Protein backbone atom coordinates (compact mmCIF):
# COMPACT_ATOMS: atom_id res chain seq x y z
CA MET A 1 19.21 2.47 17.54
CA SER A 2 22.31 3.53 15.67
CA ILE A 3 23.49 1.48 12.70
CA PRO A 4 26.98 1.97 11.26
CA HIS A 5 27.41 2.30 7.52
CA ARG A 6 28.57 -0.97 6.02
CA SER A 7 31.69 -1.06 3.88
CA LEU A 8 31.20 -2.97 0.67
CA VAL A 9 33.72 -5.85 0.62
CA ALA A 10 31.96 -8.34 -1.65
CA VAL A 11 29.24 -8.30 -4.25
CA GLN A 12 25.91 -9.52 -2.91
CA THR A 13 22.36 -9.33 -4.18
CA GLY A 14 20.82 -5.95 -3.43
CA GLU A 15 24.15 -4.15 -3.18
CA ARG A 16 25.72 -1.62 -5.46
CA PRO A 17 29.05 -3.15 -6.54
CA PRO A 18 32.38 -1.29 -6.55
CA PHE A 19 32.51 1.36 -9.25
CA LEU A 20 33.79 -0.15 -12.47
CA THR A 21 36.11 1.41 -15.04
CA GLY A 22 38.16 -0.11 -17.83
CA VAL A 23 38.98 -0.04 -21.52
CA ARG A 24 37.04 -1.92 -24.15
CA ALA A 25 38.84 -4.05 -26.70
CA ASN A 26 38.18 -1.30 -29.27
CA LYS A 27 40.10 1.16 -27.00
CA ALA A 28 36.95 2.98 -25.88
CA PHE A 29 36.78 3.94 -22.18
CA TYR A 30 34.09 2.19 -20.11
CA SER A 31 32.58 3.07 -16.74
CA PHE A 32 29.40 2.50 -14.77
CA ASN A 33 28.44 6.09 -15.55
CA GLU A 34 27.64 5.08 -19.12
CA GLN A 35 25.95 1.85 -17.98
CA ALA A 36 23.19 3.71 -16.12
CA GLY A 37 19.80 3.06 -17.67
CA ARG A 38 20.61 -0.39 -19.08
CA PRO A 39 20.89 -3.69 -17.18
CA ALA A 40 24.03 -5.72 -17.76
CA VAL A 41 25.56 -9.13 -17.24
CA LEU A 42 29.18 -8.74 -16.20
CA LEU A 43 31.22 -11.88 -16.81
CA HIS A 44 34.02 -11.66 -14.27
CA VAL A 45 36.83 -13.85 -15.63
CA GLY A 46 39.65 -11.80 -14.10
CA LEU A 47 42.83 -13.85 -14.27
CA LEU A 48 41.26 -17.03 -15.62
CA GLY A 49 43.03 -18.69 -18.51
CA PHE A 50 41.58 -18.26 -21.96
CA PRO A 51 40.52 -21.94 -22.28
CA ILE A 52 38.24 -21.46 -19.24
CA GLY A 53 37.08 -17.86 -19.66
CA ALA A 54 36.45 -17.89 -23.42
CA PRO A 55 33.81 -20.71 -23.48
CA PHE A 56 32.01 -18.93 -20.65
CA ALA A 57 31.86 -15.68 -22.62
CA ALA A 58 31.02 -17.50 -25.85
CA ALA A 59 27.94 -19.13 -24.28
CA PHE A 60 26.53 -15.67 -23.54
CA HIS A 61 27.57 -14.36 -26.95
CA ARG A 62 25.55 -17.13 -28.67
CA ARG A 63 22.43 -15.97 -26.83
CA ALA A 64 23.07 -12.28 -27.49
CA SER A 65 19.67 -11.71 -29.09
CA GLU A 66 17.86 -12.83 -25.92
CA PHE A 67 19.81 -10.36 -23.81
CA GLU A 68 19.32 -7.56 -26.32
CA ALA A 69 15.56 -8.25 -26.24
CA ARG A 70 15.73 -7.19 -22.60
CA ALA A 71 17.94 -4.16 -23.45
CA THR A 72 20.77 -5.83 -21.52
CA ASP A 73 24.50 -5.50 -22.19
CA VAL A 74 26.83 -8.48 -21.77
CA LEU A 75 30.42 -7.59 -20.92
CA CYS A 76 33.41 -9.79 -20.16
CA LEU A 77 35.74 -8.31 -17.50
CA VAL A 78 39.38 -9.31 -17.88
CA ASP A 79 42.23 -8.32 -15.56
CA THR A 80 44.90 -6.33 -17.40
CA THR A 81 47.55 -8.54 -15.77
CA ASN A 82 45.99 -11.73 -17.13
CA PRO A 83 48.77 -13.76 -18.85
CA HIS A 84 46.27 -14.65 -21.61
CA LEU A 85 45.48 -11.02 -22.37
CA SER A 86 46.46 -11.22 -26.04
CA ALA A 87 44.18 -14.21 -26.60
CA TYR A 88 41.20 -12.36 -25.09
CA THR A 89 42.04 -9.32 -27.22
CA ALA A 90 42.15 -11.35 -30.45
CA ALA A 91 38.98 -13.39 -29.73
CA PRO A 92 36.19 -12.86 -32.33
CA LEU A 93 33.74 -11.83 -29.60
CA ALA A 94 36.15 -9.33 -28.03
CA THR A 95 35.06 -6.06 -29.66
CA PRO A 96 33.45 -4.24 -27.96
CA HIS A 97 32.24 -6.82 -25.43
CA VAL A 98 35.47 -7.39 -23.50
CA VAL A 99 36.46 -4.76 -20.93
CA PHE A 100 40.03 -4.81 -19.63
CA CYS A 101 40.18 -3.63 -16.02
CA PRO A 102 43.21 -2.86 -13.82
CA PRO A 103 43.60 -5.27 -10.88
CA GLN A 104 42.85 -2.53 -8.36
CA VAL A 105 39.42 -2.12 -9.98
CA LEU A 106 38.54 -5.82 -9.89
CA ARG A 107 40.12 -6.68 -6.53
CA PRO A 108 37.28 -5.29 -4.35
CA TRP A 109 34.80 -7.67 -6.02
CA ARG A 110 36.51 -10.59 -4.23
CA PHE A 111 35.38 -13.58 -6.24
CA ASP A 112 36.77 -17.08 -6.22
CA PRO A 113 39.52 -16.96 -8.87
CA ARG A 114 39.03 -20.63 -9.72
CA LYS A 115 35.71 -20.17 -11.52
CA PRO A 116 34.04 -17.51 -13.66
CA VAL A 117 31.19 -15.50 -12.18
CA ALA A 118 28.28 -13.74 -13.90
CA ILE A 119 27.01 -10.65 -12.08
CA VAL A 120 23.61 -9.40 -13.20
CA ILE A 121 22.93 -5.73 -12.48
CA ASP A 122 19.77 -3.70 -13.01
CA ARG A 123 19.52 -0.34 -14.78
CA ASN A 124 20.57 1.38 -11.53
CA THR A 125 23.76 -0.75 -11.26
CA ARG A 126 22.43 -2.78 -8.33
CA VAL A 127 23.21 -6.49 -8.18
CA ILE A 128 20.18 -8.72 -8.76
CA ALA A 129 22.13 -12.00 -9.06
CA SER A 130 25.64 -13.34 -8.63
CA ILE A 131 26.06 -16.63 -10.51
CA ALA A 132 29.16 -18.74 -9.87
CA SER A 133 29.16 -21.75 -12.16
CA THR A 134 31.56 -23.81 -14.27
CA ASP A 135 28.66 -24.67 -16.62
CA PRO A 136 28.40 -21.79 -19.13
CA ASP A 137 24.93 -22.77 -20.40
CA ALA A 138 23.54 -23.04 -16.87
CA ALA A 139 24.97 -19.60 -16.09
CA VAL A 140 23.23 -18.15 -19.16
CA GLU A 141 19.88 -19.59 -18.10
CA ALA A 142 20.28 -18.31 -14.53
CA ALA A 143 21.13 -14.84 -15.83
CA LEU A 144 18.03 -14.75 -18.02
CA VAL A 145 15.87 -15.86 -15.09
CA ALA A 146 17.33 -13.06 -12.96
CA LEU A 147 16.72 -10.48 -15.68
CA ALA A 148 13.09 -11.55 -15.91
CA THR A 149 12.59 -10.09 -12.42
CA CYS A 150 13.51 -6.61 -13.66
CA PRO A 151 10.36 -4.66 -14.52
CA ILE A 152 10.19 -3.19 -18.02
CA GLU A 153 7.90 -0.20 -18.43
CA PRO A 154 7.25 1.71 -21.63
CA PRO A 155 8.21 5.39 -21.63
CA ARG A 156 5.44 7.68 -20.44
CA ASP A 157 4.97 11.31 -19.54
CA GLU A 158 4.76 12.03 -15.80
CA SER A 159 2.96 15.12 -14.59
CA ALA A 160 3.04 14.74 -10.79
CA PRO A 161 5.21 11.84 -9.61
CA ALA A 162 5.38 11.10 -5.89
CA PRO A 163 8.92 11.44 -4.44
CA VAL A 164 9.26 7.82 -3.38
CA LEU A 165 12.18 5.41 -3.70
CA VAL A 166 11.84 1.71 -4.54
CA ILE A 167 14.82 -0.44 -3.51
CA PRO A 168 14.68 -4.04 -4.80
CA ASN A 169 16.22 -7.14 -3.19
CA VAL A 170 16.63 -5.82 0.35
CA PHE A 171 15.58 -9.28 1.62
CA ASP A 172 15.78 -12.54 -0.32
CA ALA A 173 12.84 -14.98 -0.49
CA PRO A 174 14.03 -17.34 2.31
CA PHE A 175 14.50 -14.44 4.72
CA CYS A 176 11.05 -13.06 3.84
CA ARG A 177 9.65 -16.45 4.85
CA ARG A 178 11.60 -16.31 8.12
CA LEU A 179 10.07 -12.95 8.95
CA ILE A 180 6.56 -14.22 8.20
CA GLU A 181 7.25 -17.19 10.49
CA HIS A 182 8.42 -14.71 13.14
CA PHE A 183 4.97 -13.12 12.95
CA ASP A 184 3.04 -16.40 12.83
CA CYS A 185 4.96 -17.89 15.77
CA GLY A 186 4.91 -14.71 17.83
CA GLU A 187 2.25 -12.87 19.77
CA PRO A 188 0.79 -10.31 17.37
CA ILE A 189 -1.04 -7.32 18.76
CA GLU A 190 -3.49 -4.87 17.24
CA GLY A 191 -1.81 -1.90 15.60
CA GLY A 192 -2.35 1.57 17.02
CA MET A 193 -1.28 5.13 16.23
CA ALA A 194 0.69 7.89 17.95
CA SER A 195 -1.75 10.63 18.97
CA VAL A 196 -2.28 13.43 21.47
CA ASP A 197 -5.15 14.07 23.87
CA LEU A 198 -7.00 17.35 24.47
CA GLU A 199 -4.25 18.45 26.85
CA GLY A 200 -1.57 17.82 24.26
CA LYS A 201 -0.21 14.69 25.94
CA ALA A 202 0.98 11.84 23.75
CA PHE A 203 -0.79 8.51 23.92
CA HIS A 204 -1.18 5.30 21.90
CA LYS A 205 -4.51 5.24 20.12
CA ILE A 206 -6.43 2.21 18.80
CA ASP A 207 -8.96 3.03 16.07
CA ALA A 208 -9.99 0.11 13.86
CA THR A 209 -12.00 2.42 11.60
CA LYS A 210 -8.76 4.12 10.51
CA LYS A 211 -6.11 1.43 10.98
CA ARG A 212 -6.69 -2.29 11.02
CA ARG A 213 -3.69 -4.56 11.12
CA ALA A 214 -1.80 -6.83 13.49
CA HIS A 215 1.91 -6.57 14.11
CA CYS A 216 4.71 -8.38 15.91
CA LEU A 217 7.78 -6.50 17.07
CA VAL A 218 11.27 -7.54 16.01
CA ARG A 219 13.26 -7.08 19.21
CA PRO A 220 17.06 -6.88 19.57
CA ASN A 221 17.25 -10.38 21.08
CA ASP A 222 15.23 -11.98 18.25
CA ALA A 223 17.22 -14.13 15.81
CA VAL A 224 15.97 -12.13 12.82
CA HIS A 225 16.85 -8.74 14.28
CA GLN A 226 20.51 -8.44 13.28
CA PRO A 227 19.94 -9.80 9.75
CA VAL A 228 17.25 -7.12 9.27
CA ILE A 229 19.66 -4.41 10.45
CA ASP A 230 22.45 -5.70 8.22
CA ALA A 231 20.22 -5.88 5.14
CA ILE A 232 18.88 -2.36 5.61
CA ALA A 233 22.38 -0.96 6.15
CA ARG A 234 23.70 -2.81 3.09
CA ALA A 235 20.92 -2.11 0.61
CA CYS A 236 19.13 1.01 1.83
CA TRP A 237 21.63 3.40 3.40
CA PRO A 238 23.52 4.04 0.12
CA GLU A 239 20.26 4.51 -1.81
CA ILE A 240 18.84 7.00 0.71
CA LYS A 241 22.11 8.93 0.57
CA ARG A 242 22.06 8.93 -3.22
CA ALA A 243 18.40 9.91 -3.65
CA PHE A 244 17.84 12.23 -0.69
CA GLN A 245 21.38 13.34 0.30
CA THR A 246 20.74 12.16 3.84
CA ASP A 247 23.05 9.99 5.93
CA ALA A 248 20.57 7.65 7.57
CA THR A 249 22.22 6.30 10.72
CA HIS A 250 19.38 5.31 13.08
CA ILE A 251 16.42 3.01 12.87
CA ASP A 252 13.20 3.14 14.86
CA ARG A 253 11.18 0.19 16.11
CA ILE A 254 10.87 -2.71 13.67
CA GLN A 255 7.58 -4.52 13.08
CA VAL A 256 6.36 -7.39 10.96
CA ALA A 257 2.74 -6.54 10.16
CA ARG A 258 -0.14 -8.44 8.59
CA TYR A 259 -3.02 -6.85 6.71
CA ASP A 260 -5.73 -9.40 5.92
CA ASP A 261 -9.04 -9.46 4.08
CA ALA A 262 -11.00 -8.86 7.27
CA GLY A 263 -10.60 -5.15 6.60
CA GLY A 264 -6.83 -4.73 6.82
CA CYS A 265 -5.89 -1.17 5.88
CA PHE A 266 -4.40 2.09 7.15
CA GLN A 267 -6.29 5.14 5.93
CA ARG A 268 -4.67 8.41 4.92
CA HIS A 269 -2.08 9.60 7.42
CA ARG A 270 1.37 11.08 7.90
CA ASP A 271 3.96 9.24 9.96
CA ASN A 272 5.54 12.11 11.90
CA SER A 273 2.70 14.55 12.58
CA ALA A 274 2.39 13.69 16.30
CA PRO A 275 4.98 15.45 18.51
CA ALA A 276 6.24 12.16 19.95
CA VAL A 277 7.31 10.93 16.51
CA ALA A 278 8.27 14.23 14.87
CA TYR A 279 11.90 13.03 14.62
CA ARG A 280 10.98 10.42 12.01
CA GLN A 281 12.43 11.32 8.60
CA PHE A 282 11.74 8.35 6.32
CA ALA A 283 9.21 5.55 6.41
CA MET A 284 10.27 2.14 5.10
CA SER A 285 7.89 -0.62 3.98
CA ILE A 286 9.39 -3.93 2.79
CA ASN A 287 7.05 -6.45 1.13
CA LEU A 288 7.40 -10.01 2.49
CA ASN A 289 4.96 -11.77 0.15
CA THR A 290 3.54 -11.28 -3.33
CA GLY A 291 0.88 -13.03 -5.39
CA GLN A 292 -0.97 -14.14 -2.25
CA TYR A 293 -3.31 -11.20 -1.83
CA ASP A 294 -5.33 -8.67 -3.78
CA GLY A 295 -5.42 -4.98 -2.94
CA GLY A 296 -3.05 -3.78 -0.25
CA HIS A 297 -1.38 -1.05 -2.31
CA LEU A 298 0.36 2.05 -1.04
CA VAL A 299 -0.95 5.30 -2.51
CA PHE A 300 0.12 8.93 -2.24
CA PRO A 301 -3.04 10.95 -2.98
CA GLU A 302 -1.38 14.38 -2.86
CA TYR A 303 0.46 13.51 -6.07
CA ASN A 304 -1.45 11.04 -8.23
CA ASP A 305 -3.58 7.88 -8.24
CA TYR A 306 -0.73 5.43 -8.83
CA ARG A 307 -0.78 2.27 -6.72
CA TYR A 308 2.54 0.98 -5.40
CA LYS A 309 3.15 -2.70 -4.72
CA PRO A 310 6.91 -3.40 -4.64
CA GLY A 311 8.21 -6.87 -5.44
CA LEU A 312 9.19 -9.57 -2.97
CA GLY A 313 11.80 -8.28 -0.53
CA ALA A 314 11.71 -4.77 -2.03
CA ALA A 315 11.51 -1.61 0.06
CA LEU A 316 9.45 1.48 -0.53
CA VAL A 317 11.10 4.49 1.15
CA PHE A 318 9.51 7.92 1.43
CA SER A 319 9.47 11.02 3.60
CA ALA A 320 7.47 10.54 6.78
CA THR A 321 5.73 13.85 6.03
CA LEU A 322 4.00 12.47 2.89
CA LEU A 323 0.30 11.74 3.12
CA HIS A 324 -0.18 8.08 2.23
CA GLU A 325 -2.56 5.18 2.61
CA ALA A 326 -2.37 1.38 2.74
CA THR A 327 -5.48 0.43 0.77
CA PRO A 328 -7.69 -2.44 2.00
CA VAL A 329 -6.61 -6.02 1.34
CA LEU A 330 -9.45 -7.54 -0.66
CA LYS A 331 -8.35 -11.17 -0.60
CA GLY A 332 -5.69 -13.11 1.29
CA ALA A 333 -3.10 -11.53 3.59
CA ARG A 334 -0.26 -9.09 3.05
CA TYR A 335 2.86 -9.33 5.21
CA VAL A 336 5.23 -6.40 5.42
CA LEU A 337 8.18 -5.24 7.51
CA LEU A 338 7.74 -1.66 8.70
CA THR A 339 10.18 0.76 10.26
CA PHE A 340 11.39 4.38 10.21
CA VAL A 341 14.90 5.71 9.74
CA HIS A 342 16.57 9.04 10.51
CA ASN A 343 19.93 10.79 10.71
CA ALA A 344 22.07 11.88 13.65
CA ASP A 345 20.44 15.32 13.95
CA ALA A 346 16.98 13.75 14.17
CA GLU A 347 18.29 11.30 16.75
CA ALA A 348 19.49 14.22 18.87
CA ARG A 349 15.99 15.73 18.67
CA ARG A 350 14.44 12.38 19.65
CA ARG A 351 16.69 12.11 22.70
CA ALA A 352 16.05 15.71 23.73
CA ALA A 353 12.28 15.14 23.61
CA ALA A 354 12.37 11.79 25.42
């Protein structure tokens, strides 16, 4: 099915916000290009009066050491047409933490002008939390909780990294639970594989020695179908374009699958080697639960022995040509949403072969 690209009209978790530029209080130019590599908390005060915006910024300034411990910048965004501009400029915490932005830069963020908002972004300038609160201290605590979800890894030398893309926050926790309920309340079937017989004809193959999992389709008339489509278009299309220079426009069948400790696994395979599925370009695996199972990693043995287990609601995206394996679940049950995506040219090939 074809999915249109979604225009960004508001900042939501999992999205990349509108590109930000401005001038710091010390006259230095600021943009998201220099923010890359460091998380940030952006305090969007816009046109708010100084008596409202300043206490909000001051609460974060008092806890500066806690944010620095997580290598996180805290910046206060003020509209250049704010009537209290001189007060923000003269504030003791202004330099270099206040960024003055033209209204056309802040307008696309579309926040309620009656209250300040704290936007927490990760090192890749993706939103991990949007906190609207009139309680400055509560906003600080919520921002620190959000930052705690960002993984921190020490620098290391990589010799043969697998070309995979991890996209956090595609689904939030409540929607992950809805998808698990969709599986539990549905009619799961045993998972099979696309294969060919001795005459070269495509058929659906069941082989529990190679693949052992149950899945439940997400069909177009299911209540969860459109929210899945919207989330993938919002969070994944821009990342696939950025990382792989591919305009993903179509999505294949969508499944919620369960691997359990009765042998749930999918041994080494490629996802587009059979002629019937050769149009597939990228595989997408979105974790729906964490901390409830052991094992169940994704591995890419052609590159290294790293084990991938994305966080709750996070997607792992990779070329369908890569050899990979879902290792056995050793305890509990792993739930995951699985699909494949491709561009318009691949869709034309799919239709021609149908």
